[in-house]
């Protein structure tokens, strides 16, 4: 009699297919989300919370396997175990010859951290996992305070909704191919300015985190009739420009900005569901004022953040995946092709900025949670933003020793009268 347990597997969504092919020791495609409490973390209680949370996110029980033509997720019996932080920030998680879970949970003093291999989820999906984890942790840790009534968790998607492949759901089909071809022709980009520096040893990354009043920064953004993301993107461009060699100051600066597609298409998936837009700006005489940069970025954001453009991008991505020739190409050849495409695309990017948005937790938890923060995956200097209450955290992650860019950026905000608390991992 065969008592072996039936192994379940699932396909990777469109965006997830990219990350296993292009990850490396230098660029492990790992990002971090942290929650800082007002008290030290108790690891035994955090483990209990993790045991409850993992049951709500079955995809997180998966390991990544290699097939003949595609990667796929395979359900694992491995139990995620909470650990004390003892690894470099965003150290590699996925290695092709290891059958390990694609995330880790650890703690350091008052911080709960999760790190996730990007093939498993994007920032929003991982945030929902973190919010659920912190929710269970605080309910257990302060059970006497919530014995009368449990606070409501604002993310209660079903298992099927969490596992939904929303790229496929919103793919419009073959009739859209003509428009896809037109869009593809427009995507040819000039070579962008690339930030150089001395790399840290052992592929480590430097994280500099600045915490400030969200209201204070929004007030500054509103003076220019713009959003928080555009305002900080403009400051980032100006900071890069000020540190550029004189001979390169006419080179285009290009920001890569992830777009959470859940904001435009109904979806509660905890898998990847994002797009990316590029916004370019070239400095010259007369256009180095913050107002000028913001005006140009406002135009770029309005052009890219339309339903038509986003549909075009989804259809373009899915059409490549469903190309009959691409389907029959063996996985090793697909990997080589994706690495070449990745290298070419990198030449067109200067830096990246990601805004995870305003994080919501039950108001009953306000006295326990100080703030959240995000560290993006890094192969170039990148900036990530998130807000909890009035605490806006701007995190710079960089593989380089140099910190002039970060200094200029935070000084620009400080010169506007904004108070900033700065911490670093080095």
Protein backbone atom coordinates (compact mmCIF):
# COMPACT_ATOMS: atom_id res chain seq x y z
CA UNK A 1 0.00 0.00 0.00
CA UNK A 2 1.35 3.42 -0.99
CA UNK A 3 1.02 5.95 1.84
CA UNK A 4 3.04 8.69 0.17
CA UNK A 5 1.46 12.12 0.40
CA UNK A 6 0.23 13.68 -2.83
CA UNK A 7 2.47 16.56 -3.89
CA UNK A 8 0.67 19.71 -5.06
CA UNK A 9 2.20 22.12 -7.53
CA UNK A 10 1.21 25.44 -9.07
CA UNK A 11 2.39 27.66 -11.90
CA UNK A 12 4.32 30.84 -11.38
CA UNK A 13 2.56 34.04 -12.37
CA UNK A 14 4.00 36.06 -15.24
CA UNK A 15 6.23 38.35 -13.15
CA UNK A 16 7.49 35.49 -10.96
CA UNK A 17 9.07 33.69 -13.93
CA UNK A 18 11.62 36.48 -14.29
CA UNK A 19 13.21 36.30 -10.82
CA UNK A 20 14.61 32.73 -10.66
CA UNK A 21 16.25 33.21 -14.07
CA UNK A 22 17.99 36.48 -13.17
CA UNK A 23 18.88 36.13 -9.47
CA UNK A 24 22.50 35.78 -8.37
CA UNK A 25 24.66 36.14 -5.26
CA UNK A 26 25.14 39.81 -6.15
CA UNK A 27 21.46 40.34 -6.99
CA UNK A 28 19.45 37.76 -4.98
CA UNK A 29 16.02 39.32 -5.72
CA UNK A 30 15.20 39.49 -2.01
CA UNK A 31 13.42 42.34 -0.22
CA UNK A 32 12.63 43.01 3.44
CA UNK A 33 9.65 44.39 5.35
CA UNK A 34 10.08 45.31 9.01
CA UNK A 35 7.73 46.21 11.83
CA UNK A 36 9.23 48.01 14.80
CA UNK A 37 7.36 47.66 18.08
CA UNK A 38 7.64 49.67 21.29
CA UNK A 39 8.80 46.55 23.16
CA UNK A 40 11.26 43.72 22.58
CA UNK A 41 9.99 40.83 20.45
CA UNK A 42 9.31 37.53 22.22
CA UNK A 43 10.46 34.78 19.81
CA UNK A 44 8.24 32.01 21.20
CA UNK A 45 5.13 34.12 20.67
CA UNK A 46 6.34 35.18 17.22
CA UNK A 47 6.65 31.48 16.31
CA UNK A 48 3.06 30.88 17.42
CA UNK A 49 1.95 33.82 15.29
CA UNK A 50 3.89 32.49 12.30
CA UNK A 51 2.27 29.05 12.66
CA UNK A 52 -1.15 30.70 12.46
CA UNK A 53 -0.21 33.04 9.62
CA UNK A 54 1.26 30.39 7.32
CA UNK A 55 -2.08 28.55 7.31
CA UNK A 56 -3.70 31.63 5.78
CA UNK A 57 -1.05 31.88 3.04
CA UNK A 58 -0.66 28.36 1.59
CA UNK A 59 1.56 29.57 -1.27
CA UNK A 60 4.18 30.46 1.35
CA UNK A 61 4.54 26.73 2.08
CA UNK A 62 6.06 26.30 -1.39
CA UNK A 63 9.55 25.54 -2.65
CA UNK A 64 10.68 26.41 -6.17
CA UNK A 65 11.34 23.58 -8.61
CA UNK A 66 12.76 23.48 -12.12
CA UNK A 67 10.80 21.82 -14.91
CA UNK A 68 11.78 21.16 -18.51
CA UNK A 69 10.21 24.38 -19.80
CA UNK A 70 9.25 26.48 -16.72
CA UNK A 71 9.80 26.84 -13.00
CA UNK A 72 6.94 25.83 -10.73
CA UNK A 73 5.96 25.92 -7.04
CA UNK A 74 5.75 22.66 -5.11
CA UNK A 75 4.03 22.38 -1.73
CA UNK A 76 6.44 21.53 1.09
CA UNK A 77 5.99 20.10 4.60
CA UNK A 78 8.83 22.30 5.87
CA UNK A 79 7.86 24.40 8.88
CA UNK A 80 9.08 28.00 8.84
CA UNK A 81 11.08 28.68 12.00
CA UNK A 82 11.58 32.10 13.58
CA UNK A 83 15.26 33.01 14.01
CA UNK A 84 17.29 35.75 15.63
CA UNK A 85 18.78 38.03 12.96
CA UNK A 86 22.25 36.73 12.10
CA UNK A 87 22.52 37.18 8.31
CA UNK A 88 23.35 40.21 6.14
CA UNK A 89 20.36 42.27 5.02
CA UNK A 90 18.52 40.60 2.10
CA UNK A 91 20.93 37.66 1.90
CA UNK A 92 20.13 35.09 -0.84
CA UNK A 93 17.15 32.82 -0.18
CA UNK A 94 16.71 30.79 -3.37
CA UNK A 95 19.46 28.46 -4.55
CA UNK A 96 18.58 26.10 -7.37
CA UNK A 97 19.88 22.92 -5.71
CA UNK A 98 18.14 23.54 -2.37
CA UNK A 99 14.50 22.77 -1.57
CA UNK A 100 13.90 25.53 0.95
CA UNK A 101 10.99 27.85 1.66
CA UNK A 102 11.21 31.16 -0.17
CA UNK A 103 10.94 33.47 2.82
CA UNK A 104 12.31 33.84 6.33
CA UNK A 105 11.04 35.44 9.55
CA UNK A 106 13.45 36.75 12.16
CA UNK A 107 13.66 39.32 14.94
CA UNK A 108 16.14 41.82 16.28
CA UNK A 109 15.35 43.59 19.56
CA UNK A 110 12.07 45.45 18.83
CA UNK A 111 11.88 44.55 15.14
CA UNK A 112 10.01 41.79 13.39
CA UNK A 113 11.47 41.22 9.92
CA UNK A 114 10.41 39.16 6.94
CA UNK A 115 12.54 38.68 3.85
CA UNK A 116 11.02 37.26 0.68
CA UNK A 117 12.33 35.96 -2.62
CA UNK A 118 10.54 38.10 -5.19
CA UNK A 119 9.22 35.11 -7.18
CA UNK A 120 6.92 34.36 -4.24
CA UNK A 121 5.31 37.78 -3.90
CA UNK A 122 5.58 41.51 -4.50
CA UNK A 123 5.70 44.22 -1.87
CA UNK A 124 1.93 44.47 -1.38
CA UNK A 125 1.45 40.70 -1.12
CA UNK A 126 4.32 40.45 1.37
CA UNK A 127 2.91 43.36 3.35
CA UNK A 128 -0.39 41.49 3.77
CA UNK A 129 1.58 38.54 5.12
CA UNK A 130 3.44 40.84 7.53
CA UNK A 131 0.26 42.58 8.68
CA UNK A 132 -1.34 39.19 9.41
CA UNK A 133 1.78 38.03 11.28
CA UNK A 134 1.92 41.15 13.46
CA UNK A 135 -1.84 40.91 14.05
CA UNK A 136 -1.54 37.39 15.47
CA UNK A 137 1.59 38.27 17.43
CA UNK A 138 -0.02 41.20 19.24
CA UNK A 139 -3.22 39.26 19.93
CA UNK A 140 -1.21 36.53 21.63
CA UNK A 141 1.31 38.82 23.31
CA UNK A 142 -1.42 41.06 24.76
CA UNK A 143 -4.28 38.58 24.99
CA UNK A 144 -5.56 40.11 28.23
CA UNK A 145 -5.99 43.49 26.53
CA UNK A 146 -8.12 41.94 23.77
CA UNK A 147 -10.03 39.34 25.78
CA UNK A 148 -13.30 41.25 25.33
CA UNK A 149 -13.19 41.75 21.56
CA UNK A 150 -10.61 41.01 18.91
CA UNK A 151 -9.76 43.88 16.56
CA UNK A 152 -10.76 43.35 12.92
CA UNK A 153 -8.03 42.46 10.43
CA UNK A 154 -8.55 44.49 7.27
CA UNK A 155 -7.22 41.77 4.95
CA UNK A 156 -9.56 38.79 4.87
CA UNK A 157 -9.20 37.48 1.32
CA UNK A 158 -10.07 33.84 0.70
CA UNK A 159 -7.40 31.25 -0.07
CA UNK A 160 -8.38 31.22 -3.75
CA UNK A 161 -8.22 35.03 -3.92
CA UNK A 162 -4.74 35.02 -2.37
CA UNK A 163 -3.51 32.45 -4.90
CA UNK A 164 -5.11 34.14 -7.92
CA UNK A 165 -2.95 34.75 -11.00
CA UNK A 166 -4.24 38.24 -11.73
CA UNK A 167 -2.02 38.72 -14.77
CA UNK A 168 -3.86 35.92 -16.56
CA UNK A 169 -7.22 37.13 -15.24
CA UNK A 170 -6.81 40.53 -16.92
CA UNK A 171 -5.16 39.35 -20.12
CA UNK A 172 -7.37 40.48 -22.99
CA UNK A 173 -6.42 37.90 -25.58
CA UNK A 174 -5.07 37.71 -29.11
CA UNK A 175 -7.16 40.57 -30.50
CA UNK A 176 -4.92 42.92 -28.53
CA UNK A 177 -1.68 41.89 -30.25
CA UNK A 178 -1.62 44.74 -32.77
CA UNK A 179 -1.61 47.28 -29.98
CA UNK A 180 1.03 45.25 -28.15
CA UNK A 181 3.38 45.46 -31.14
CA UNK A 182 2.90 49.23 -31.35
CA UNK A 183 3.64 49.56 -27.65
CA UNK A 184 6.73 47.38 -27.90
CA UNK A 185 8.21 49.62 -30.59
CA UNK A 186 7.88 52.61 -28.26
CA UNK A 187 9.89 50.94 -25.50
CA UNK A 188 13.28 51.55 -27.08
CA UNK A 189 15.16 53.68 -24.54
CA UNK A 190 18.44 55.59 -24.54
CA UNK A 191 21.32 54.58 -22.34
CA UNK A 192 20.82 56.13 -18.91
CA UNK A 193 23.31 57.49 -16.39
CA UNK A 194 24.39 54.72 -14.02
CA UNK A 195 25.62 55.33 -10.50
CA UNK A 196 29.05 53.86 -9.81
CA UNK A 197 30.89 53.17 -6.58
CA UNK A 198 33.07 50.85 -4.53
CA UNK A 199 31.09 47.71 -3.75
CA UNK A 200 30.82 46.44 -0.20
CA UNK A 201 32.52 43.14 0.62
CA UNK A 202 30.65 39.81 0.30
CA UNK A 203 27.83 41.41 -1.71
CA UNK A 204 26.50 43.15 1.39
CA UNK A 205 24.21 46.16 1.13
CA UNK A 206 24.18 49.41 3.05
CA UNK A 207 20.81 50.52 4.42
CA UNK A 208 20.20 54.09 5.56
CA UNK A 209 16.73 54.71 6.96
CA UNK A 210 15.24 58.15 7.55
CA UNK A 211 12.04 58.58 9.55
CA UNK A 212 10.04 61.80 9.42
CA UNK A 213 6.53 63.25 9.70
CA UNK A 214 4.35 62.14 6.79
CA UNK A 215 2.24 65.29 7.18
CA UNK A 216 5.30 67.55 6.99
CA UNK A 217 6.47 65.97 3.73
CA UNK A 218 2.95 65.96 2.25
CA UNK A 219 2.62 69.65 3.09
CA UNK A 220 5.77 70.32 1.06
CA UNK A 221 4.50 68.17 -1.83
CA UNK A 222 1.16 70.01 -1.85
CA UNK A 223 2.99 73.32 -2.29
CA UNK A 224 3.90 71.99 -5.75
CA UNK A 225 0.45 70.44 -6.37
CA UNK A 226 1.89 66.96 -6.53
CA UNK A 227 1.87 63.60 -4.77
CA UNK A 228 4.26 62.24 -2.17
CA UNK A 229 5.81 59.80 -4.66
CA UNK A 230 6.40 62.44 -7.34
CA UNK A 231 7.81 64.89 -4.79
CA UNK A 232 10.32 62.39 -3.38
CA UNK A 233 11.18 61.12 -6.88
CA UNK A 234 12.05 64.67 -7.92
CA UNK A 235 14.24 65.12 -4.84
CA UNK A 236 15.97 61.83 -5.66
CA UNK A 237 16.70 62.96 -9.23
CA UNK A 238 18.11 66.28 -8.00
CA UNK A 239 20.26 64.47 -5.43
CA UNK A 240 21.69 62.19 -8.12
CA UNK A 241 22.33 65.16 -10.41
CA UNK A 242 24.27 67.07 -7.74
CA UNK A 243 26.64 64.11 -7.33
CA UNK A 244 27.16 63.48 -11.09
CA UNK A 245 30.53 64.17 -12.74
CA UNK A 246 30.40 67.43 -14.73
CA UNK A 247 31.03 65.65 -18.05
CA UNK A 248 28.00 63.40 -17.50
CA UNK A 249 25.46 66.01 -16.38
CA UNK A 250 23.70 65.92 -19.77
CA UNK A 251 23.09 62.16 -19.57
CA UNK A 252 19.43 61.15 -19.02
CA UNK A 253 18.46 60.03 -15.52
CA UNK A 254 15.88 57.24 -15.54
CA UNK A 255 13.88 56.09 -12.52
CA UNK A 256 12.28 52.66 -12.45
CA UNK A 257 9.03 52.77 -10.44
CA UNK A 258 6.95 49.67 -9.59
CA UNK A 259 3.17 50.03 -9.95
CA UNK A 260 0.82 48.10 -7.68
CA UNK A 261 -1.77 46.92 -10.22
CA UNK A 262 -4.26 46.17 -7.43
CA UNK A 263 -4.87 49.92 -7.30
CA UNK A 264 -6.27 49.78 -10.86
CA UNK A 265 -7.64 46.23 -11.24
CA UNK A 266 -9.72 44.40 -8.65
CA UNK A 267 -7.45 41.81 -7.06
CA UNK A 268 -6.54 40.53 -3.60
CA UNK A 269 -3.81 38.17 -4.72
CA UNK A 270 -0.79 37.79 -2.45
CA UNK A 271 1.27 36.71 -5.47
CA UNK A 272 3.05 39.16 -7.75
CA UNK A 273 0.75 41.63 -9.47
CA UNK A 274 2.75 44.69 -10.41
CA UNK A 275 4.02 46.56 -13.42
CA UNK A 276 6.97 48.91 -13.81
CA UNK A 277 7.22 52.29 -15.44
CA UNK A 278 10.30 54.30 -16.37
CA UNK A 279 10.40 58.06 -15.94
CA UNK A 280 13.28 59.91 -17.61
CA UNK A 281 14.63 63.41 -16.96
CA UNK A 282 17.60 65.19 -18.52
CA UNK A 283 19.03 68.17 -16.68
CA UNK A 284 20.25 71.21 -18.53
CA UNK A 285 20.43 74.96 -18.11
CA UNK A 286 17.22 76.36 -16.67
CA UNK A 287 15.66 73.04 -15.60
CA UNK A 288 17.44 72.27 -12.34
CA UNK A 289 14.79 73.77 -10.06
CA UNK A 290 12.62 71.40 -8.02
CA UNK A 291 9.47 72.93 -9.54
CA UNK A 292 10.68 72.14 -13.07
CA UNK A 293 11.54 68.53 -12.20
CA UNK A 294 8.19 67.97 -10.48
CA UNK A 295 6.32 69.39 -13.48
CA UNK A 296 8.04 66.95 -15.84
CA UNK A 297 7.46 64.00 -13.51
CA UNK A 298 3.78 64.90 -13.12
CA UNK A 299 3.40 64.63 -16.90
CA UNK A 300 5.19 61.28 -16.98
CA UNK A 301 3.11 59.79 -14.17
CA UNK A 302 -0.16 60.95 -15.77
CA UNK A 303 0.83 59.39 -19.09
CA UNK A 304 1.85 56.03 -17.63
CA UNK A 305 -0.84 55.57 -14.98
CA UNK A 306 -3.81 55.08 -17.27
CA UNK A 307 -5.92 51.96 -17.64
CA UNK A 308 -5.02 51.70 -21.33
CA UNK A 309 -1.25 51.81 -20.71
CA UNK A 310 -1.50 49.29 -17.88
CA UNK A 311 -3.62 46.92 -19.99
CA UNK A 312 -1.03 47.24 -22.75
CA UNK A 313 1.74 46.21 -20.40
CA UNK A 314 -0.18 43.20 -19.03
CA UNK A 315 -1.05 42.01 -22.52
CA UNK A 316 2.49 42.52 -23.77
CA UNK A 317 3.92 40.42 -20.92
CA UNK A 318 1.41 37.59 -21.30
CA UNK A 319 1.75 37.54 -25.09
CA UNK A 320 5.49 36.89 -24.73
CA UNK A 321 4.85 34.06 -22.28
CA UNK A 322 2.22 32.49 -24.58
CA UNK A 323 4.28 32.75 -27.74
CA UNK A 324 4.33 29.20 -29.21
CA UNK A 325 8.09 29.32 -29.74
CA UNK A 326 8.75 30.51 -26.17
CA UNK A 327 6.69 27.63 -24.80
CA UNK A 328 8.84 24.92 -26.36
CA UNK A 329 12.23 26.50 -25.58
CA UNK A 330 13.92 24.49 -22.76
CA UNK A 331 14.31 26.24 -19.41
CA UNK A 332 18.14 26.69 -19.60
CA UNK A 333 17.77 28.59 -22.87
CA UNK A 334 14.91 30.67 -21.44
CA UNK A 335 17.17 31.57 -18.51
CA UNK A 336 19.96 32.74 -20.81
CA UNK A 337 17.52 34.85 -22.83
CA UNK A 338 16.04 36.46 -19.72
CA UNK A 339 19.49 37.28 -18.36
CA UNK A 340 20.44 38.99 -21.62
CA UNK A 341 17.18 40.97 -21.64
CA UNK A 342 17.75 41.88 -17.99
CA UNK A 343 21.27 43.16 -18.69
CA UNK A 344 20.05 45.27 -21.63
CA UNK A 345 17.20 46.76 -19.59
CA UNK A 346 19.58 47.58 -16.74
CA UNK A 347 21.53 49.90 -19.03
CA UNK A 348 18.42 52.05 -19.25
CA UNK A 349 17.93 52.54 -15.48
CA UNK A 350 19.68 54.94 -13.10
CA UNK A 351 17.88 54.18 -9.82
CA UNK A 352 14.57 52.88 -8.49
CA UNK A 353 11.95 54.18 -6.10
CA UNK A 354 9.12 52.15 -4.61
CA UNK A 355 6.25 53.41 -2.46
CA UNK A 356 4.45 50.69 -0.50
CA UNK A 357 1.89 53.30 0.55
CA UNK A 358 0.03 53.85 3.79
CA UNK A 359 -0.03 50.76 6.01
CA UNK A 360 -3.21 50.12 7.95
CA UNK A 361 -3.48 48.19 11.20
CA UNK A 362 -6.36 48.05 13.70
CA UNK A 363 -6.31 51.31 15.70
CA UNK A 364 -6.22 49.21 18.89
CA UNK A 365 -2.59 48.38 17.98
CA UNK A 366 -1.38 51.99 17.82
CA UNK A 367 0.20 51.85 21.29
CA UNK A 368 2.24 48.75 20.37
CA UNK A 369 3.54 49.56 16.87
CA UNK A 370 6.09 52.31 16.26
CA UNK A 371 6.59 52.06 12.49
CA UNK A 372 7.08 49.90 9.40
CA UNK A 373 9.92 50.03 6.89
CA UNK A 374 10.93 48.42 3.58
CA UNK A 375 14.32 47.46 2.15
CA UNK A 376 14.15 46.79 -1.61
CA UNK A 377 16.20 44.20 -3.45
CA UNK A 378 19.37 45.90 -4.64
CA UNK A 379 21.76 45.84 -7.57
CA UNK A 380 21.85 49.65 -7.80
CA UNK A 381 20.92 52.38 -5.29
CA UNK A 382 17.20 52.12 -4.59
CA UNK A 383 14.77 53.94 -2.37
CA UNK A 384 11.66 52.51 -0.70
CA UNK A 385 8.91 54.41 1.12
CA UNK A 386 6.11 53.43 3.45
CA UNK A 387 3.90 55.24 5.97
CA UNK A 388 2.31 54.15 9.23
CA UNK A 389 0.32 56.78 11.07
CA UNK A 390 2.36 59.97 10.77
CA UNK A 391 5.69 58.14 10.51
CA UNK A 392 7.05 58.18 6.98
CA UNK A 393 10.11 55.95 6.56
CA UNK A 394 12.41 56.45 3.56
CA UNK A 395 14.93 53.62 3.19
CA UNK A 396 17.96 53.78 0.91
CA UNK A 397 19.60 50.48 0.01
CA UNK A 398 22.85 50.43 -1.93
CA UNK A 399 25.64 47.96 -2.76
CA UNK A 400 28.17 50.82 -2.62
CA UNK A 401 30.26 52.26 0.22
CA UNK A 402 29.63 55.85 -0.88
CA UNK A 403 26.75 57.71 0.81
CA UNK A 404 26.86 61.14 -0.84
CA UNK A 405 23.55 60.56 -2.63
CA UNK A 406 21.77 59.71 0.62
CA UNK A 407 23.33 62.66 2.44
CA UNK A 408 22.24 65.14 -0.22
CA UNK A 409 18.71 63.71 -0.31
CA UNK A 410 18.10 63.89 3.43
CA UNK A 411 19.77 67.32 3.67
CA UNK A 412 17.33 68.59 1.03
CA UNK A 413 14.42 67.57 3.25
CA UNK A 414 16.09 68.92 6.39
CA UNK A 415 16.60 72.30 4.68
CA UNK A 416 12.82 72.47 4.26
CA UNK A 417 12.49 72.28 8.04
CA UNK A 418 11.59 68.59 8.18
CA UNK A 419 13.01 66.75 11.21
CA UNK A 420 14.55 63.39 10.33
CA UNK A 421 15.72 60.47 12.48
CA UNK A 422 18.43 58.51 10.65
CA UNK A 423 19.68 54.99 11.40
CA UNK A 424 21.96 52.68 9.41
CA UNK A 425 23.02 49.04 9.43
CA UNK A 426 26.72 50.01 9.29
